[in-house]
Amino acid sequence: MDTHPSRPVLVVEVAESSLTLDRVRKGSLYARAGINDCWVVNLVDEVLEVYRDPVPVSIVQNEWKYAFVRLLRRNATVTPLAAPRARIRVAALLP
């Protein structure tokens, strides 16, 4: 890439006490902003929540969500959409 990105290609939230806020409120805001790849490092359940493919829920209320949601356990790997050759171990993201 030759230019500086105008918006993030991946958002990662690390959540314990803010888990509901990160999933619902922030997730909706990120989806509405067109962020295609959003991850929540869920410290409560020790999983990585991967959210992709933002879609409108209600055009009238301007509510958005992610159509694709996947929970990955510690032994899984994840690939960011913006770096398709990268492989990240979920265990490396968890304490």
N, C-alpha and C. Protein backbone atom coordinates (compact mmCIF):
# COMPACT_ATOMS: atom_id res chain seq x y z
N MET A 1 0.84 -1.17 0.00
CA MET A 1 0.00 0.00 0.00
C MET A 1 0.89 1.24 0.00
N ASP A 2 0.64 2.14 -0.91
CA ASP A 2 1.47 3.34 -1.05
C ASP A 2 0.94 4.54 -0.27
N THR A 3 -0.30 4.48 0.17
CA THR A 3 -0.89 5.61 0.87
C THR A 3 -1.29 5.21 2.28
N HIS A 4 -1.45 6.21 3.11
CA HIS A 4 -1.90 5.98 4.48
C HIS A 4 -3.39 5.64 4.43
N PRO A 5 -3.82 4.61 5.15
CA PRO A 5 -5.25 4.26 5.11
C PRO A 5 -6.10 5.37 5.73
N SER A 6 -7.27 5.59 5.17
CA SER A 6 -8.16 6.63 5.68
C SER A 6 -9.05 6.11 6.81
N ARG A 7 -9.13 4.80 6.97
CA ARG A 7 -9.86 4.20 8.09
C ARG A 7 -9.24 2.85 8.42
N PRO A 8 -9.46 2.37 9.62
CA PRO A 8 -8.84 1.10 10.01
C PRO A 8 -9.38 -0.08 9.20
N VAL A 9 -8.52 -1.07 9.00
CA VAL A 9 -8.94 -2.29 8.30
C VAL A 9 -9.26 -3.40 9.31
N LEU A 10 -8.86 -3.19 10.55
CA LEU A 10 -9.13 -4.14 11.63
C LEU A 10 -9.23 -3.38 12.93
N VAL A 11 -10.27 -3.67 13.70
CA VAL A 11 -10.42 -3.11 15.04
C VAL A 11 -10.38 -4.28 16.01
N VAL A 12 -9.58 -4.13 17.08
CA VAL A 12 -9.49 -5.17 18.10
C VAL A 12 -9.82 -4.53 19.44
N GLU A 13 -10.83 -5.06 20.11
CA GLU A 13 -11.19 -4.64 21.46
C GLU A 13 -10.81 -5.76 22.42
N VAL A 14 -10.22 -5.39 23.54
CA VAL A 14 -9.91 -6.35 24.59
C VAL A 14 -10.92 -6.10 25.70
N ALA A 15 -11.72 -7.12 26.03
CA ALA A 15 -12.86 -6.90 26.90
C ALA A 15 -12.95 -7.89 28.05
N GLU A 16 -13.22 -7.33 29.19
CA GLU A 16 -13.55 -8.12 30.38
C GLU A 16 -14.81 -7.50 30.98
N SER A 17 -14.67 -6.41 31.70
CA SER A 17 -15.84 -5.76 32.28
C SER A 17 -16.67 -5.02 31.23
N SER A 18 -16.06 -4.69 30.08
CA SER A 18 -16.76 -3.95 29.02
C SER A 18 -17.27 -4.86 27.91
N LEU A 19 -17.40 -6.14 28.17
CA LEU A 19 -17.73 -7.10 27.11
C LEU A 19 -19.04 -6.77 26.39
N THR A 20 -20.10 -6.50 27.12
CA THR A 20 -21.38 -6.19 26.49
C THR A 20 -21.30 -4.90 25.68
N LEU A 21 -20.66 -3.89 26.23
CA LEU A 21 -20.48 -2.62 25.52
C LEU A 21 -19.71 -2.83 24.23
N ASP A 22 -18.63 -3.59 24.29
CA ASP A 22 -17.81 -3.83 23.10
C ASP A 22 -18.55 -4.62 22.03
N ARG A 23 -19.33 -5.60 22.46
CA ARG A 23 -20.08 -6.41 21.50
C ARG A 23 -21.22 -5.63 20.85
N VAL A 24 -22.02 -5.00 21.66
CA VAL A 24 -23.27 -4.41 21.18
C VAL A 24 -23.08 -2.98 20.68
N ARG A 25 -22.75 -2.09 21.57
CA ARG A 25 -22.69 -0.66 21.21
C ARG A 25 -21.55 -0.36 20.24
N LYS A 26 -20.33 -0.73 20.64
CA LYS A 26 -19.19 -0.45 19.78
C LYS A 26 -19.26 -1.27 18.49
N GLY A 27 -19.71 -2.51 18.61
CA GLY A 27 -19.84 -3.36 17.42
C GLY A 27 -20.76 -2.75 16.39
N SER A 28 -21.87 -2.20 16.83
CA SER A 28 -22.81 -1.55 15.92
C SER A 28 -22.18 -0.32 15.28
N LEU A 29 -21.44 0.46 16.06
CA LEU A 29 -20.76 1.64 15.53
C LEU A 29 -19.70 1.27 14.49
N TYR A 30 -18.93 0.23 14.78
CA TYR A 30 -17.90 -0.21 13.83
C TYR A 30 -18.54 -0.73 12.55
N ALA A 31 -19.64 -1.49 12.69
CA ALA A 31 -20.33 -2.01 11.51
C ALA A 31 -20.87 -0.86 10.67
N ARG A 32 -21.49 0.12 11.32
CA ARG A 32 -22.03 1.28 10.60
C ARG A 32 -20.93 2.06 9.89
N ALA A 33 -19.74 2.08 10.48
CA ALA A 33 -18.60 2.78 9.87
C ALA A 33 -17.98 1.99 8.72
N GLY A 34 -18.46 0.76 8.51
CA GLY A 34 -17.94 -0.04 7.40
C GLY A 34 -16.65 -0.79 7.70
N ILE A 35 -16.36 -0.97 8.98
CA ILE A 35 -15.18 -1.76 9.37
C ILE A 35 -15.52 -3.23 9.10
N ASN A 36 -14.82 -3.84 8.16
CA ASN A 36 -15.15 -5.20 7.73
C ASN A 36 -14.64 -6.29 8.66
N ASP A 37 -13.69 -5.98 9.51
CA ASP A 37 -13.05 -6.98 10.36
C ASP A 37 -12.94 -6.41 11.77
N CYS A 38 -13.71 -6.96 12.70
CA CYS A 38 -13.71 -6.48 14.09
C CYS A 38 -13.54 -7.69 15.00
N TRP A 39 -12.57 -7.61 15.91
CA TRP A 39 -12.32 -8.71 16.83
C TRP A 39 -12.53 -8.24 18.25
N VAL A 40 -13.09 -9.12 19.08
CA VAL A 40 -13.20 -8.87 20.51
C VAL A 40 -12.43 -9.99 21.22
N VAL A 41 -11.37 -9.61 21.91
CA VAL A 41 -10.63 -10.56 22.73
C VAL A 41 -11.42 -10.67 24.03
N ASN A 42 -12.18 -11.74 24.14
CA ASN A 42 -13.09 -11.96 25.26
C ASN A 42 -12.32 -12.64 26.39
N LEU A 43 -11.92 -11.85 27.38
CA LEU A 43 -11.14 -12.37 28.50
C LEU A 43 -11.98 -13.19 29.47
N VAL A 44 -13.29 -12.96 29.48
CA VAL A 44 -14.19 -13.69 30.37
C VAL A 44 -14.26 -15.16 29.97
N ASP A 45 -14.51 -15.41 28.68
CA ASP A 45 -14.67 -16.78 28.19
C ASP A 45 -13.41 -17.32 27.53
N GLU A 46 -12.36 -16.51 27.48
CA GLU A 46 -11.08 -16.88 26.87
C GLU A 46 -11.24 -17.35 25.43
N VAL A 47 -11.93 -16.52 24.63
CA VAL A 47 -12.12 -16.78 23.21
C VAL A 47 -11.89 -15.48 22.44
N LEU A 48 -11.66 -15.63 21.15
CA LEU A 48 -11.61 -14.49 20.26
C LEU A 48 -12.91 -14.49 19.48
N GLU A 49 -13.63 -13.38 19.55
CA GLU A 49 -14.87 -13.22 18.80
C GLU A 49 -14.54 -12.45 17.52
N VAL A 50 -14.82 -13.05 16.38
CA VAL A 50 -14.51 -12.44 15.09
C VAL A 50 -15.82 -12.01 14.44
N TYR A 51 -15.92 -10.73 14.13
CA TYR A 51 -17.11 -10.15 13.51
C TYR A 51 -16.74 -9.62 12.14
N ARG A 52 -17.53 -10.03 11.12
CA ARG A 52 -17.25 -9.61 9.74
C ARG A 52 -18.56 -9.39 8.98
N ASP A 53 -18.46 -8.71 7.88
CA ASP A 53 -19.59 -8.46 6.98
C ASP A 53 -20.68 -7.59 7.62
N PRO A 54 -20.42 -6.29 7.77
CA PRO A 54 -21.42 -5.40 8.35
C PRO A 54 -22.66 -5.27 7.47
N VAL A 55 -23.84 -5.31 8.11
CA VAL A 55 -25.11 -5.18 7.40
C VAL A 55 -26.06 -4.30 8.22
N PRO A 56 -26.94 -3.57 7.54
CA PRO A 56 -27.92 -2.76 8.28
C PRO A 56 -29.00 -3.64 8.88
N VAL A 57 -29.40 -3.31 10.10
CA VAL A 57 -30.52 -3.99 10.76
C VAL A 57 -31.78 -3.17 10.55
N SER A 58 -31.64 -1.86 10.76
CA SER A 58 -32.75 -0.94 10.60
C SER A 58 -32.23 0.35 9.98
N ILE A 59 -32.61 0.60 8.75
CA ILE A 59 -32.19 1.83 8.08
C ILE A 59 -32.78 3.05 8.80
N VAL A 60 -34.02 2.92 9.25
CA VAL A 60 -34.70 4.03 9.91
C VAL A 60 -33.97 4.45 11.18
N GLN A 61 -33.53 3.49 11.99
CA GLN A 61 -32.84 3.79 13.25
C GLN A 61 -31.32 3.78 13.09
N ASN A 62 -30.86 3.56 11.88
CA ASN A 62 -29.42 3.55 11.58
C ASN A 62 -28.67 2.54 12.45
N GLU A 63 -29.25 1.36 12.62
CA GLU A 63 -28.63 0.29 13.41
C GLU A 63 -27.96 -0.71 12.46
N TRP A 64 -26.77 -1.14 12.87
CA TRP A 64 -26.00 -2.09 12.07
C TRP A 64 -25.53 -3.23 12.96
N LYS A 65 -25.18 -4.33 12.30
CA LYS A 65 -24.60 -5.49 13.00
C LYS A 65 -23.68 -6.20 12.02
N TYR A 66 -23.05 -7.25 12.50
CA TYR A 66 -22.20 -8.08 11.65
C TYR A 66 -22.93 -9.36 11.30
N ALA A 67 -22.95 -9.71 10.02
CA ALA A 67 -23.63 -10.92 9.56
C ALA A 67 -22.84 -12.18 9.92
N PHE A 68 -21.52 -12.05 10.00
CA PHE A 68 -20.65 -13.20 10.28
C PHE A 68 -20.07 -13.03 11.68
N VAL A 69 -20.32 -14.02 12.54
CA VAL A 69 -19.77 -14.02 13.90
C VAL A 69 -19.19 -15.41 14.14
N ARG A 70 -17.94 -15.43 14.60
CA ARG A 70 -17.29 -16.71 14.87
C ARG A 70 -16.51 -16.61 16.17
N LEU A 71 -16.63 -17.63 17.01
CA LEU A 71 -15.88 -17.70 18.26
C LEU A 71 -14.73 -18.68 18.07
N LEU A 72 -13.53 -18.21 18.36
CA LEU A 72 -12.34 -19.05 18.20
C LEU A 72 -11.70 -19.31 19.56
N ARG A 73 -11.45 -20.56 19.83
CA ARG A 73 -10.82 -20.96 21.10
C ARG A 73 -9.31 -20.77 21.03
N ARG A 74 -8.69 -20.95 22.16
CA ARG A 74 -7.26 -20.72 22.34
C ARG A 74 -6.39 -21.45 21.31
N ASN A 75 -6.76 -22.66 20.91
CA ASN A 75 -5.92 -23.46 20.01
C ASN A 75 -6.13 -23.13 18.52
N ALA A 76 -7.02 -22.20 18.21
CA ALA A 76 -7.32 -21.85 16.82
C ALA A 76 -6.35 -20.78 16.31
N THR A 77 -6.41 -20.56 15.00
CA THR A 77 -5.67 -19.45 14.38
C THR A 77 -6.68 -18.57 13.65
N VAL A 78 -6.30 -17.32 13.45
CA VAL A 78 -7.17 -16.37 12.77
C VAL A 78 -6.34 -15.62 11.73
N THR A 79 -6.99 -15.26 10.64
CA THR A 79 -6.35 -14.51 9.57
C THR A 79 -7.08 -13.20 9.37
N PRO A 80 -6.40 -12.07 9.53
CA PRO A 80 -7.06 -10.79 9.27
C PRO A 80 -7.42 -10.66 7.79
N LEU A 81 -8.56 -10.07 7.51
CA LEU A 81 -8.97 -9.89 6.11
C LEU A 81 -7.95 -9.07 5.33
N ALA A 82 -7.34 -8.09 5.98
CA ALA A 82 -6.40 -7.20 5.31
C ALA A 82 -5.02 -7.82 5.10
N ALA A 83 -4.78 -8.97 5.72
CA ALA A 83 -3.48 -9.65 5.58
C ALA A 83 -3.73 -11.14 5.40
N PRO A 84 -4.21 -11.55 4.23
CA PRO A 84 -4.66 -12.93 4.03
C PRO A 84 -3.59 -14.01 4.18
N ARG A 85 -2.32 -13.63 4.17
CA ARG A 85 -1.27 -14.64 4.36
C ARG A 85 -0.84 -14.76 5.82
N ALA A 86 -1.34 -13.88 6.66
CA ALA A 86 -0.97 -13.90 8.08
C ALA A 86 -1.80 -14.93 8.84
N ARG A 87 -1.18 -15.56 9.79
CA ARG A 87 -1.85 -16.50 10.68
C ARG A 87 -1.48 -16.11 12.10
N ILE A 88 -2.49 -15.83 12.91
CA ILE A 88 -2.26 -15.42 14.30
C ILE A 88 -2.89 -16.46 15.21
N ARG A 89 -2.11 -16.96 16.14
CA ARG A 89 -2.65 -17.91 17.12
C ARG A 89 -3.50 -17.16 18.13
N VAL A 90 -4.70 -17.63 18.37
CA VAL A 90 -5.58 -17.00 19.34
C VAL A 90 -4.92 -16.99 20.70
N ALA A 91 -4.21 -18.02 21.05
CA ALA A 91 -3.52 -18.10 22.35
C ALA A 91 -2.57 -16.92 22.54
N ALA A 92 -2.01 -16.39 21.46
CA ALA A 92 -1.10 -15.26 21.56
C ALA A 92 -1.82 -13.97 21.93
N LEU A 93 -3.14 -13.93 21.77
CA LEU A 93 -3.94 -12.76 22.08
C LEU A 93 -4.52 -12.80 23.49
N LEU A 94 -4.51 -13.98 24.08
CA LEU A 94 -5.09 -14.18 25.42
C LEU A 94 -4.01 -14.22 26.48
N PRO A 95 -4.35 -13.83 27.71
CA PRO A 95 -3.34 -13.89 28.80
C PRO A 95 -3.04 -15.33 29.19
